[in-house]
Amino acid sequence: MPQVEVIGTTTLAPGSLASVTSSITPDGIALEFGIPQGLPGILPEIAFASFITFAASFTNATRIPFGTLTEDDTGQIRQISDTNLVIEPGYYVISYHVSALLNPQGYMQITPYYNGAPHIETAIYFMNAADNTSAYGSNTFIIRMTSVSDFFLTFNTNARATEGTLTLSIIKLRDIT
């Protein structure tokens, strides 16, 4: 029975045609392959940023203040004030966590604003049953920013809110195509 022997593989220039060279051997056939190198890939520009607040007093019906923890080097997620971001078009993962000490007992609601409107469907709501207890909530969602958009979080409560904390992380998944 004849034998098939592979004697090597050569990398060819990108865009070349693949090739197979054969030669007869005393025991059968020998093959040598030529495989074109792929074109270099282009990695998408990765955009991400994170923001924090620690030990703050939150006021009813106002935006939650925050500072930049990790700045987006691409400029697609920009902090323009102590309560407001501007986010370029694309698909994003947004994750935020808020806690505050409420006294007397009451509720807190945090409502994200993006794409020109508040979004109660991605809000946090927490109600406590005792004075001086911590309220906490978090949410993670994927959104499509259809155009350059402001982003902020509005805090609502019927109690005094102290020791407020916020962590906010935003990661761009891809551009709109």
C-alpha atoms as a PDB file:
ATOM      1  CA  MET A   1       0.000   0.000   0.000  1.00  0.00           C
ATOM      2  CA  PRO A   2       1.477   3.425  -0.971  1.00  0.00           C
ATOM      3  CA  GLN A   3       2.291   5.889   1.855  1.00  0.00           C
ATOM      4  CA  VAL A   4       1.463   9.594   1.968  1.00  0.00           C
ATOM      5  CA  GLU A   5       4.067  11.734   3.692  1.00  0.00           C
ATOM      6  CA  VAL A   6       3.711  15.442   4.543  1.00  0.00           C
ATOM      7  CA  ILE A   7       7.154  16.959   4.289  1.00  0.00           C
ATOM      8  CA  GLY A   8       6.331  20.512   5.321  1.00  0.00           C
ATOM      9  CA  THR A   9       4.128  23.567   5.386  1.00  0.00           C
ATOM     10  CA  THR A  10       5.274  26.975   4.224  1.00  0.00           C
ATOM     11  CA  THR A  11       3.634  30.283   5.146  1.00  0.00           C
ATOM     12  CA  LEU A  12       2.927  32.358   2.034  1.00  0.00           C
ATOM     13  CA  ALA A  13       2.356  36.098   1.728  1.00  0.00           C
ATOM     14  CA  PRO A  14      -1.121  37.428   2.612  1.00  0.00           C
ATOM     15  CA  GLY A  15      -3.438  37.260  -0.386  1.00  0.00           C
ATOM     16  CA  SER A  16      -1.484  34.426  -2.075  1.00  0.00           C
ATOM     17  CA  LEU A  17      -3.238  31.292  -3.243  1.00  0.00           C
ATOM     18  CA  ALA A  18      -2.847  28.130  -1.169  1.00  0.00           C
ATOM     19  CA  SER A  19      -0.700  25.492  -2.833  1.00  0.00           C
ATOM     20  CA  VAL A  20       0.145  21.792  -2.650  1.00  0.00           C
ATOM     21  CA  THR A  21       3.286  20.376  -4.250  1.00  0.00           C
ATOM     22  CA  SER A  22       3.573  16.620  -4.642  1.00  0.00           C
ATOM     23  CA  SER A  23       6.514  14.397  -5.459  1.00  0.00           C
ATOM     24  CA  ILE A  24       6.787  10.661  -5.998  1.00  0.00           C
ATOM     25  CA  THR A  25       8.811   8.733  -3.396  1.00  0.00           C
ATOM     26  CA  PRO A  26       9.884   5.075  -3.447  1.00  0.00           C
ATOM     27  CA  ASP A  27       7.091   4.297  -0.945  1.00  0.00           C
ATOM     28  CA  GLY A  28       4.301   6.513  -2.322  1.00  0.00           C
ATOM     29  CA  ILE A  29       3.885  10.301  -2.429  1.00  0.00           C
ATOM     30  CA  ALA A  30       5.207  13.308  -0.482  1.00  0.00           C
ATOM     31  CA  LEU A  31       3.194  16.522  -0.069  1.00  0.00           C
ATOM     32  CA  GLU A  32       4.272  20.032   0.776  1.00  0.00           C
ATOM     33  CA  PHE A  33       1.641  22.670   1.570  1.00  0.00           C
ATOM     34  CA  GLY A  34       1.730  26.443   1.140  1.00  0.00           C
ATOM     35  CA  ILE A  35      -0.773  28.333   3.329  1.00  0.00           C
ATOM     36  CA  PRO A  36      -1.251  32.103   2.914  1.00  0.00           C
ATOM     37  CA  GLN A  37      -0.883  34.216   6.027  1.00  0.00           C
ATOM     38  CA  GLY A  38      -4.114  35.947   7.038  1.00  0.00           C
ATOM     39  CA  LEU A  39      -4.444  39.692   6.914  1.00  0.00           C
ATOM     40  CA  PRO A  40      -3.712  41.400  10.196  1.00  0.00           C
ATOM     41  CA  GLY A  41      -6.858  41.873  12.242  1.00  0.00           C
ATOM     42  CA  ILE A  42      -7.987  45.198  13.535  1.00  0.00           C
ATOM     43  CA  LEU A  43      -8.938  45.232  17.190  1.00  0.00           C
ATOM     44  CA  PRO A  44     -11.857  47.467  18.022  1.00  0.00           C
ATOM     45  CA  GLU A  45     -11.072  50.477  20.125  1.00  0.00           C
ATOM     46  CA  ILE A  46     -11.997  49.494  23.680  1.00  0.00           C
ATOM     47  CA  ALA A  47     -13.861  52.151  25.641  1.00  0.00           C
ATOM     48  CA  PHE A  48     -14.568  51.849  29.352  1.00  0.00           C
ATOM     49  CA  ALA A  49     -14.760  54.074  32.396  1.00  0.00           C
ATOM     50  CA  SER A  50     -15.716  53.907  36.059  1.00  0.00           C
ATOM     51  CA  PHE A  51     -16.955  56.482  38.556  1.00  0.00           C
ATOM     52  CA  ILE A  52     -17.397  56.602  42.335  1.00  0.00           C
ATOM     53  CA  THR A  53     -18.888  58.524  45.239  1.00  0.00           C
ATOM     54  CA  PHE A  54     -18.122  57.767  48.860  1.00  0.00           C
ATOM     55  CA  ALA A  55     -19.684  59.006  52.137  1.00  0.00           C
ATOM     56  CA  ALA A  56     -21.821  61.697  50.480  1.00  0.00           C
ATOM     57  CA  SER A  57     -25.166  63.184  51.452  1.00  0.00           C
ATOM     58  CA  PHE A  58     -27.728  62.655  48.700  1.00  0.00           C
ATOM     59  CA  THR A  59     -30.536  65.177  48.281  1.00  0.00           C
ATOM     60  CA  ASN A  60     -34.051  64.403  47.071  1.00  0.00           C
ATOM     61  CA  ALA A  61     -34.760  65.086  43.391  1.00  0.00           C
ATOM     62  CA  THR A  62     -31.145  65.835  42.457  1.00  0.00           C
ATOM     63  CA  ARG A  63     -28.455  64.167  40.402  1.00  0.00           C
ATOM     64  CA  ILE A  64     -25.969  61.950  42.224  1.00  0.00           C
ATOM     65  CA  PRO A  65     -22.467  63.482  42.233  1.00  0.00           C
ATOM     66  CA  PHE A  66     -19.458  61.321  41.354  1.00  0.00           C
ATOM     67  CA  GLY A  67     -15.794  61.455  40.475  1.00  0.00           C
ATOM     68  CA  THR A  68     -13.824  59.576  37.849  1.00  0.00           C
ATOM     69  CA  LEU A  69     -12.073  56.447  39.055  1.00  0.00           C
ATOM     70  CA  THR A  70     -10.951  55.159  35.631  1.00  0.00           C
ATOM     71  CA  GLU A  71     -10.951  57.584  32.707  1.00  0.00           C
ATOM     72  CA  ASP A  72     -11.849  56.453  29.175  1.00  0.00           C
ATOM     73  CA  ASP A  73      -8.743  57.141  27.074  1.00  0.00           C
ATOM     74  CA  THR A  74     -10.778  57.043  23.855  1.00  0.00           C
ATOM     75  CA  GLY A  75     -13.009  59.991  24.817  1.00  0.00           C
ATOM     76  CA  GLN A  76     -16.213  58.067  24.080  1.00  0.00           C
ATOM     77  CA  ILE A  77     -17.314  58.227  27.742  1.00  0.00           C
ATOM     78  CA  ARG A  78     -16.604  61.683  29.167  1.00  0.00           C
ATOM     79  CA  GLN A  79     -17.394  63.284  32.503  1.00  0.00           C
ATOM     80  CA  ILE A  80     -18.428  66.902  31.848  1.00  0.00           C
ATOM     81  CA  SER A  81     -19.531  67.877  35.370  1.00  0.00           C
ATOM     82  CA  ASP A  82     -19.672  66.344  38.829  1.00  0.00           C
ATOM     83  CA  THR A  83     -23.076  64.817  37.965  1.00  0.00           C
ATOM     84  CA  ASN A  84     -23.066  64.323  34.188  1.00  0.00           C
ATOM     85  CA  LEU A  85     -21.433  62.138  31.520  1.00  0.00           C
ATOM     86  CA  VAL A  86     -21.546  62.376  27.743  1.00  0.00           C
ATOM     87  CA  ILE A  87     -21.516  59.039  25.912  1.00  0.00           C
ATOM     88  CA  GLU A  88     -20.921  58.570  22.176  1.00  0.00           C
ATOM     89  CA  PRO A  89     -23.235  56.364  20.022  1.00  0.00           C
ATOM     90  CA  GLY A  90     -22.885  52.595  20.370  1.00  0.00           C
ATOM     91  CA  TYR A  91     -23.875  49.620  22.503  1.00  0.00           C
ATOM     92  CA  TYR A  92     -22.819  49.751  26.165  1.00  0.00           C
ATOM     93  CA  VAL A  93     -22.990  47.694  29.339  1.00  0.00           C
ATOM     94  CA  ILE A  94     -23.851  49.937  32.273  1.00  0.00           C
ATOM     95  CA  SER A  95     -23.630  48.703  35.834  1.00  0.00           C
ATOM     96  CA  TYR A  96     -24.308  50.839  38.885  1.00  0.00           C
ATOM     97  CA  HIS A  97     -24.650  50.299  42.625  1.00  0.00           C
ATOM     98  CA  VAL A  98     -25.983  52.832  45.129  1.00  0.00           C
ATOM     99  CA  SER A  99     -26.318  52.738  48.907  1.00  0.00           C
ATOM    100  CA  ALA A 100     -27.268  55.318  51.520  1.00  0.00           C
ATOM    101  CA  LEU A 101     -28.185  55.466  55.197  1.00  0.00           C
ATOM    102  CA  LEU A 102     -31.828  56.576  55.402  1.00  0.00           C
ATOM    103  CA  ASN A 103     -33.268  58.287  58.487  1.00  0.00           C
ATOM    104  CA  PRO A 104     -36.138  58.231  59.215  1.00  0.00           C
ATOM    105  CA  GLN A 105     -37.403  55.107  57.483  1.00  0.00           C
ATOM    106  CA  GLY A 106     -38.278  55.704  53.866  1.00  0.00           C
ATOM    107  CA  TYR A 107     -37.370  54.867  50.320  1.00  0.00           C
ATOM    108  CA  MET A 108     -34.748  55.665  47.738  1.00  0.00           C
ATOM    109  CA  GLN A 109     -35.131  55.525  43.987  1.00  0.00           C
ATOM    110  CA  ILE A 110     -32.298  56.009  41.509  1.00  0.00           C
ATOM    111  CA  THR A 111     -33.333  56.685  37.929  1.00  0.00           C
ATOM    112  CA  PRO A 112     -30.850  56.691  35.016  1.00  0.00           C
ATOM    113  CA  TYR A 113     -31.201  59.325  32.318  1.00  0.00           C
ATOM    114  CA  TYR A 114     -29.919  58.554  28.797  1.00  0.00           C
ATOM    115  CA  ASN A 115     -31.008  58.852  25.155  1.00  0.00           C
ATOM    116  CA  GLY A 116     -32.810  62.084  26.075  1.00  0.00           C
ATOM    117  CA  ALA A 117     -35.141  60.654  28.747  1.00  0.00           C
ATOM    118  CA  PRO A 118     -35.305  59.163  32.252  1.00  0.00           C
ATOM    119  CA  HIS A 119     -35.580  55.348  32.247  1.00  0.00           C
ATOM    120  CA  ILE A 120     -37.594  53.913  35.142  1.00  0.00           C
ATOM    121  CA  GLU A 121     -37.201  50.407  33.639  1.00  0.00           C
ATOM    122  CA  THR A 122     -33.484  50.493  34.552  1.00  0.00           C
ATOM    123  CA  ALA A 123     -34.014  52.226  37.916  1.00  0.00           C
ATOM    124  CA  ILE A 124     -33.338  51.001  41.460  1.00  0.00           C
ATOM    125  CA  TYR A 125     -35.944  51.146  44.230  1.00  0.00           C
ATOM    126  CA  PHE A 126     -35.441  50.273  47.915  1.00  0.00           C
ATOM    127  CA  MET A 127     -37.670  50.853  50.954  1.00  0.00           C
ATOM    128  CA  ASN A 128     -36.521  50.318  54.527  1.00  0.00           C
ATOM    129  CA  ALA A 129     -38.765  49.599  57.522  1.00  0.00           C
ATOM    130  CA  ALA A 130     -36.623  51.047  60.316  1.00  0.00           C
ATOM    131  CA  ASP A 131     -34.903  54.348  61.041  1.00  0.00           C
ATOM    132  CA  ASN A 132     -31.182  54.712  60.381  1.00  0.00           C
ATOM    133  CA  THR A 133     -30.793  51.665  58.126  1.00  0.00           C
ATOM    134  CA  SER A 134     -28.881  51.196  54.913  1.00  0.00           C
ATOM    135  CA  ALA A 135     -30.678  51.155  51.599  1.00  0.00           C
ATOM    136  CA  TYR A 136     -28.921  49.434  48.712  1.00  0.00           C
ATOM    137  CA  GLY A 137     -29.624  48.644  45.092  1.00  0.00           C
ATOM    138  CA  SER A 138     -27.834  47.744  41.891  1.00  0.00           C
ATOM    139  CA  ASN A 139     -28.644  47.262  38.247  1.00  0.00           C
ATOM    140  CA  THR A 140     -26.815  46.144  35.117  1.00  0.00           C
ATOM    141  CA  PHE A 141     -28.172  46.528  31.599  1.00  0.00           C
ATOM    142  CA  ILE A 142     -27.153  46.852  27.950  1.00  0.00           C
ATOM    143  CA  ILE A 143     -28.277  49.923  26.045  1.00  0.00           C
ATOM    144  CA  ARG A 144     -27.971  51.359  22.575  1.00  0.00           C
ATOM    145  CA  MET A 145     -26.964  54.994  22.527  1.00  0.00           C
ATOM    146  CA  THR A 146     -28.494  56.166  19.272  1.00  0.00           C
ATOM    147  CA  SER A 147     -26.681  59.513  19.285  1.00  0.00           C
ATOM    148  CA  VAL A 148     -24.362  61.440  21.594  1.00  0.00           C
ATOM    149  CA  SER A 149     -26.192  61.297  24.918  1.00  0.00           C
ATOM    150  CA  ASP A 150     -26.046  62.760  28.395  1.00  0.00           C
ATOM    151  CA  PHE A 151     -26.019  60.178  31.190  1.00  0.00           C
ATOM    152  CA  PHE A 152     -26.753  60.838  34.849  1.00  0.00           C
ATOM    153  CA  LEU A 153     -28.476  59.244  37.844  1.00  0.00           C
ATOM    154  CA  THR A 154     -31.267  61.045  39.725  1.00  0.00           C
ATOM    155  CA  PHE A 155     -31.784  60.339  43.445  1.00  0.00           C
ATOM    156  CA  ASN A 156     -35.261  60.519  44.992  1.00  0.00           C
ATOM    157  CA  THR A 157     -36.168  59.895  48.629  1.00  0.00           C
ATOM    158  CA  ASN A 158     -38.569  60.920  51.385  1.00  0.00           C
ATOM    159  CA  ALA A 159     -35.873  60.618  54.083  1.00  0.00           C
ATOM    160  CA  ARG A 160     -32.505  62.152  54.921  1.00  0.00           C
ATOM    161  CA  ALA A 161     -29.821  60.212  52.991  1.00  0.00           C
ATOM    162  CA  THR A 162     -26.278  60.202  54.362  1.00  0.00           C
ATOM    163  CA  GLU A 163     -23.192  58.041  53.878  1.00  0.00           C
ATOM    164  CA  GLY A 164     -24.134  57.697  50.215  1.00  0.00           C
ATOM    165  CA  THR A 165     -21.971  55.619  47.905  1.00  0.00           C
ATOM    166  CA  LEU A 166     -22.061  55.055  44.159  1.00  0.00           C
ATOM    167  CA  THR A 167     -20.071  52.846  41.832  1.00  0.00           C
ATOM    168  CA  LEU A 168     -20.745  53.186  38.122  1.00  0.00           C
ATOM    169  CA  SER A 169     -19.015  51.203  35.370  1.00  0.00           C
ATOM    170  CA  ILE A 170     -19.551  51.622  31.635  1.00  0.00           C
ATOM    171  CA  ILE A 171     -18.069  49.373  28.942  1.00  0.00           C
ATOM    172  CA  LYS A 172     -18.589  49.915  25.236  1.00  0.00           C
ATOM    173  CA  LEU A 173     -19.442  46.689  23.412  1.00  0.00           C
ATOM    174  CA  ARG A 174     -19.373  47.968  19.841  1.00  0.00           C
ATOM    175  CA  ASP A 175     -20.272  50.802  17.514  1.00  0.00           C
ATOM    176  CA  ILE A 176     -23.667  51.049  15.888  1.00  0.00           C
ATOM    177  CA  THR A 177     -23.495  49.518  12.406  1.00  0.00           C
END
